[in-house]
Amino acid sequence: MKELCVGIITTAVLFAAACKASEPPTQVVYRFDDHRYLELKGWDCEGELWYTDTKRGIHTKPVSQFYQIFSKTYIHPSEKYIAVPTKNVSEFIISKDYGKNWQIAVFAPETLEIRLRAWSNQSVHPDQQNAISFTVINNQGYLVIKPYDGGNKDQRNFIYMSSKPFDDSGFKSKDYIDIGLDTNYKPLQMPKSFSDWSWGTLYITNGELDQTGLKEMKKYQGLPDKVPDVKGYTGWDHMRCDMDAGRKRN
């Protein structure tokens, strides 16, 4: 009976050890500075994304599953406005309160982009292949992309940027966005409930902006035509992830 109990205990210990070994690894994948960083919990560099600010005592989970790191240049000195790119650059996960709460930022609606491309030969949507860098400074984000292969070789790189960090409370919005090109283009219809994209939640190029009614809003006026210079930055310039994290090495 004693031998049986020992056998059961040994099996339980081994089972517990096996469960512990299968716990997904957690690794720091990006450091903004000496007190803010991103962690990824999961196997093969895919899983939960956690944000920590030790100075402000913030520890939140922007993404609950399936997150994969952005592989291009990533510079982020901004503190109040935080924007985290995804691997395929389909959207950004953003916070406007130092990382306490998170939401999604999107690119200009695809229907608007397609119409503008027909007019100006701009790219339809950023992706992993044409993204060059993403910089977040002074509470604004700047995604630099190169033209698609089908574009004009003389085209310069495009910059998708967010608005200035405030909302236009006095702006009277419409239920459409007037892209004002010519009589062949109808206004882009928006839902009746549409009022505006809150600051920092829409990324658009200057070329697109110039052709829309959004240019009338103060938060979109005077946007730069290049990424602002970043000085004294102490964080990482790329995300990093070890595909073998959590596995035993020989």
Protein backbone atom coordinates (compact mmCIF):
# COMPACT_ATOMS: atom_id res chain seq x y z
CA MET A 1 0.00 0.00 0.00
CA LYS A 2 2.88 2.32 0.85
CA GLU A 3 4.48 1.63 -2.54
CA LEU A 4 1.16 2.41 -4.25
CA CYS A 5 0.90 5.76 -2.45
CA VAL A 6 4.45 6.64 -3.40
CA GLY A 7 3.66 5.77 -7.00
CA ILE A 8 0.56 7.97 -6.99
CA ILE A 9 2.46 10.89 -5.44
CA THR A 10 5.29 10.53 -7.95
CA THR A 11 2.82 10.51 -10.84
CA ALA A 12 1.10 13.61 -9.45
CA VAL A 13 4.43 15.44 -9.14
CA LEU A 14 5.41 14.52 -12.69
CA PHE A 15 2.00 15.59 -13.97
CA ALA A 16 2.29 18.94 -12.20
CA ALA A 17 5.78 19.42 -13.64
CA ALA A 18 4.49 18.64 -17.12
CA CYS A 19 1.68 21.18 -16.71
CA LYS A 20 4.15 23.78 -15.52
CA ALA A 21 6.43 23.07 -18.48
CA SER A 22 3.55 23.59 -20.90
CA GLU A 23 2.72 27.05 -19.54
CA PRO A 24 3.22 29.51 -22.44
CA PRO A 25 6.42 31.56 -22.10
CA THR A 26 6.35 35.31 -21.53
CA GLN A 27 9.01 37.53 -23.06
CA VAL A 28 9.61 41.25 -23.45
CA VAL A 29 9.17 42.09 -27.13
CA TYR A 30 9.51 45.88 -26.99
CA ARG A 31 10.82 48.57 -24.63
CA PHE A 32 9.63 52.16 -24.97
CA ASP A 33 12.00 53.38 -22.24
CA ASP A 34 13.26 52.31 -18.82
CA HIS A 35 9.78 51.90 -17.29
CA ARG A 36 7.44 50.96 -20.18
CA TYR A 37 7.47 47.73 -22.16
CA LEU A 38 5.39 45.16 -24.07
CA GLU A 39 5.35 41.46 -23.28
CA LEU A 40 4.09 38.61 -25.41
CA LYS A 41 2.79 35.47 -23.71
CA GLY A 42 2.54 32.51 -26.03
CA TRP A 43 4.34 29.89 -28.08
CA ASP A 44 6.07 30.62 -31.38
CA CYS A 45 5.81 34.40 -30.88
CA GLU A 46 2.01 34.43 -30.98
CA GLY A 47 -0.40 35.02 -28.14
CA GLU A 48 -1.43 37.58 -25.52
CA LEU A 49 0.07 41.06 -25.56
CA TRP A 50 0.65 42.83 -22.24
CA TYR A 51 1.60 46.45 -21.58
CA THR A 52 3.40 47.56 -18.42
CA ASP A 53 4.27 51.02 -17.09
CA THR A 54 6.07 50.54 -13.79
CA LYS A 55 6.22 54.29 -13.13
CA ARG A 56 2.43 54.72 -13.30
CA GLY A 57 1.58 51.28 -11.96
CA ILE A 58 -0.20 50.22 -15.16
CA HIS A 59 -0.39 46.57 -16.25
CA THR A 60 -2.99 45.86 -18.95
CA LYS A 61 -3.69 43.38 -21.74
CA PRO A 62 -4.22 45.16 -25.09
CA VAL A 63 -4.61 41.88 -27.02
CA SER A 64 -6.02 38.66 -25.56
CA GLN A 65 -4.78 36.23 -28.22
CA PHE A 66 -3.11 35.72 -31.61
CA TYR A 67 -0.90 38.83 -31.49
CA GLN A 68 2.29 38.72 -33.62
CA ILE A 69 4.97 41.39 -33.61
CA PHE A 70 5.55 44.14 -36.16
CA SER A 71 8.91 43.47 -37.85
CA LYS A 72 9.77 46.89 -39.29
CA THR A 73 11.36 49.96 -37.67
CA TYR A 74 9.30 51.05 -34.65
CA ILE A 75 10.12 54.24 -32.71
CA HIS A 76 7.80 55.23 -29.86
CA PRO A 77 8.74 58.02 -27.42
CA SER A 78 5.08 59.13 -26.98
CA GLU A 79 3.60 58.30 -23.55
CA LYS A 80 -0.05 59.37 -23.37
CA TYR A 81 -0.92 58.14 -26.86
CA ILE A 82 0.33 54.61 -27.44
CA ALA A 83 -0.09 52.84 -30.79
CA VAL A 84 0.98 49.24 -31.31
CA PRO A 85 1.11 47.91 -34.89
CA THR A 86 0.17 44.37 -35.85
CA LYS A 87 2.27 42.02 -37.98
CA ASN A 88 0.19 42.47 -41.14
CA VAL A 89 -0.34 46.21 -40.47
CA SER A 90 -4.11 45.82 -40.81
CA GLU A 91 -4.81 48.08 -37.83
CA PHE A 92 -3.29 49.56 -34.68
CA ILE A 93 -4.07 48.83 -31.05
CA ILE A 94 -4.10 52.20 -29.33
CA SER A 95 -4.45 53.79 -25.91
CA LYS A 96 -5.09 57.49 -25.30
CA ASP A 97 -4.66 57.36 -21.52
CA TYR A 98 -1.10 56.05 -20.97
CA GLY A 99 -2.08 52.39 -21.47
CA LYS A 100 -5.02 52.09 -19.08
CA ASN A 101 -7.60 51.41 -21.79
CA TRP A 102 -7.23 50.14 -25.35
CA GLN A 103 -9.14 50.34 -28.64
CA ILE A 104 -8.59 49.91 -32.38
CA ALA A 105 -7.39 52.55 -34.84
CA VAL A 106 -8.13 52.00 -38.52
CA PHE A 107 -7.09 53.28 -41.92
CA ALA A 108 -9.30 55.45 -44.11
CA PRO A 109 -12.31 53.38 -45.30
CA GLU A 110 -11.38 51.07 -48.16
CA THR A 111 -14.10 52.49 -50.42
CA LEU A 112 -12.56 55.93 -50.01
CA GLU A 113 -9.07 54.59 -50.65
CA ILE A 114 -10.08 52.78 -53.83
CA ARG A 115 -11.68 55.92 -55.24
CA LEU A 116 -8.68 58.02 -54.35
CA ARG A 117 -6.33 55.47 -55.87
CA ALA A 118 -8.23 55.69 -59.16
CA TRP A 119 -7.71 59.43 -59.05
CA SER A 120 -4.21 59.74 -57.63
CA ASN A 121 -2.62 56.29 -58.03
CA GLN A 122 -2.05 56.05 -54.30
CA SER A 123 -1.81 52.74 -52.49
CA VAL A 124 -5.03 51.08 -51.39
CA HIS A 125 -3.90 49.78 -48.02
CA PRO A 126 -0.66 49.35 -46.09
CA ASP A 127 0.53 45.81 -45.48
CA GLN A 128 3.52 43.88 -44.19
CA GLN A 129 5.33 44.00 -47.52
CA ASN A 130 5.24 47.73 -48.16
CA ALA A 131 5.51 49.06 -44.59
CA ILE A 132 8.83 50.77 -43.84
CA SER A 133 8.53 52.25 -40.36
CA PHE A 134 6.12 53.34 -37.66
CA THR A 135 6.87 56.30 -35.39
CA VAL A 136 4.72 57.62 -32.55
CA ILE A 137 5.75 61.01 -31.21
CA ASN A 138 3.91 63.92 -29.58
CA ASN A 139 0.73 61.82 -29.36
CA GLN A 140 0.56 61.20 -33.11
CA GLY A 141 1.43 58.15 -35.19
CA TYR A 142 3.22 58.07 -38.57
CA LEU A 143 3.31 54.91 -40.70
CA VAL A 144 5.66 55.18 -43.68
CA ILE A 145 4.98 52.87 -46.62
CA LYS A 146 6.46 52.51 -50.06
CA PRO A 147 4.30 52.53 -53.21
CA TYR A 148 3.06 49.23 -54.54
CA ASP A 149 4.91 47.66 -57.47
CA GLY A 150 2.11 48.73 -59.77
CA GLY A 151 2.55 52.38 -58.84
CA ASN A 152 4.64 55.07 -60.44
CA LYS A 153 8.33 54.43 -59.76
CA ASP A 154 8.84 58.15 -59.23
CA GLN A 155 6.33 58.23 -56.41
CA ARG A 156 7.72 59.06 -53.01
CA ASN A 157 6.86 57.07 -49.90
CA PHE A 158 3.44 57.64 -48.36
CA ILE A 159 2.79 58.54 -44.74
CA TYR A 160 -0.37 57.41 -43.02
CA MET A 161 -0.79 59.58 -39.94
CA SER A 162 -3.25 60.10 -37.12
CA SER A 163 -4.87 63.44 -36.32
CA LYS A 164 -3.65 65.98 -33.82
CA PRO A 165 -4.46 64.88 -30.25
CA PHE A 166 -7.80 66.60 -29.70
CA ASP A 167 -11.37 66.42 -30.94
CA ASP A 168 -13.32 69.09 -32.81
CA SER A 169 -16.34 69.48 -30.56
CA GLY A 170 -17.71 72.36 -32.65
CA PHE A 171 -17.42 70.60 -36.00
CA LYS A 172 -20.77 69.83 -37.61
CA SER A 173 -20.38 66.45 -39.24
CA LYS A 174 -22.36 65.10 -42.18
CA ASP A 175 -23.64 61.62 -42.86
CA TYR A 176 -21.14 61.36 -45.70
CA ILE A 177 -17.56 62.27 -46.53
CA ASP A 178 -17.39 64.47 -49.58
CA ILE A 179 -14.30 63.43 -51.54
CA GLY A 180 -14.93 66.26 -54.02
CA LEU A 181 -13.16 64.89 -57.09
CA ASP A 182 -15.55 65.31 -60.00
CA THR A 183 -19.11 64.47 -61.05
CA ASN A 184 -18.21 60.81 -61.58
CA TYR A 185 -17.59 60.32 -57.86
CA LYS A 186 -20.39 60.24 -55.34
CA PRO A 187 -19.86 61.17 -51.68
CA LEU A 188 -18.84 58.26 -49.47
CA GLN A 189 -21.93 57.38 -47.46
CA MET A 190 -21.45 56.91 -43.73
CA PRO A 191 -23.86 55.39 -41.18
CA LYS A 192 -26.50 57.78 -39.86
CA SER A 193 -24.96 57.39 -36.41
CA PHE A 194 -21.57 58.55 -37.68
CA SER A 195 -20.30 61.73 -36.04
CA ASP A 196 -16.54 61.59 -36.43
CA TRP A 197 -13.48 59.47 -35.82
CA SER A 198 -12.18 60.34 -32.38
CA TRP A 199 -8.62 61.71 -32.38
CA GLY A 200 -5.94 59.12 -32.92
CA THR A 201 -8.31 56.46 -34.25
CA LEU A 202 -8.06 57.14 -38.00
CA TYR A 203 -4.90 56.96 -40.12
CA ILE A 204 -4.94 58.75 -43.46
CA THR A 205 -2.44 60.26 -45.92
CA ASN A 206 -2.23 63.95 -46.74
CA GLY A 207 -3.14 63.10 -50.33
CA GLU A 208 -6.35 61.43 -49.23
CA LEU A 209 -7.07 64.13 -46.68
CA ASP A 210 -6.83 66.91 -49.25
CA GLN A 211 -9.64 65.30 -51.23
CA THR A 212 -12.08 64.92 -48.32
CA GLY A 213 -14.24 67.07 -46.10
CA LEU A 214 -12.09 65.97 -43.16
CA LYS A 215 -9.57 68.66 -44.08
CA GLU A 216 -12.01 71.22 -42.66
CA MET A 217 -11.49 69.84 -39.16
CA LYS A 218 -8.90 71.58 -37.01
CA LYS A 219 -7.33 68.33 -35.86
CA TYR A 220 -6.41 67.49 -39.48
CA GLN A 221 -5.08 70.92 -40.41
CA GLY A 222 -1.36 71.62 -40.57
CA LEU A 223 -0.28 67.98 -40.47
CA PRO A 224 3.37 67.50 -41.46
CA ASP A 225 4.50 66.06 -44.78
CA LYS A 226 7.30 64.08 -43.14
CA VAL A 227 7.89 62.18 -39.91
CA PRO A 228 9.03 64.57 -37.15
CA ASP A 229 12.60 64.19 -35.91
CA VAL A 230 13.01 62.05 -32.81
CA LYS A 231 15.76 63.13 -30.40
CA GLY A 232 17.00 61.52 -27.21
CA TYR A 233 15.01 58.33 -27.66
CA THR A 234 16.17 55.52 -25.36
CA GLY A 235 13.80 52.74 -26.38
CA TRP A 236 14.15 49.95 -28.92
CA ASP A 237 13.87 50.62 -32.65
CA HIS A 238 12.44 47.18 -33.47
CA MET A 239 10.29 44.59 -31.76
CA ARG A 240 12.09 41.39 -30.82
CA CYS A 241 10.81 37.87 -30.24
CA ASP A 242 12.48 34.50 -29.67
CA MET A 243 10.58 31.74 -31.48
CA ASP A 244 12.16 29.12 -29.16
CA ALA A 245 11.23 30.84 -25.91
CA GLY A 246 10.04 28.34 -23.29
CA ARG A 247 11.61 25.34 -24.97
CA LYS A 248 14.51 23.39 -23.56
CA ARG A 249 17.76 23.93 -25.38
CA ASN A 250 20.33 21.17 -25.83
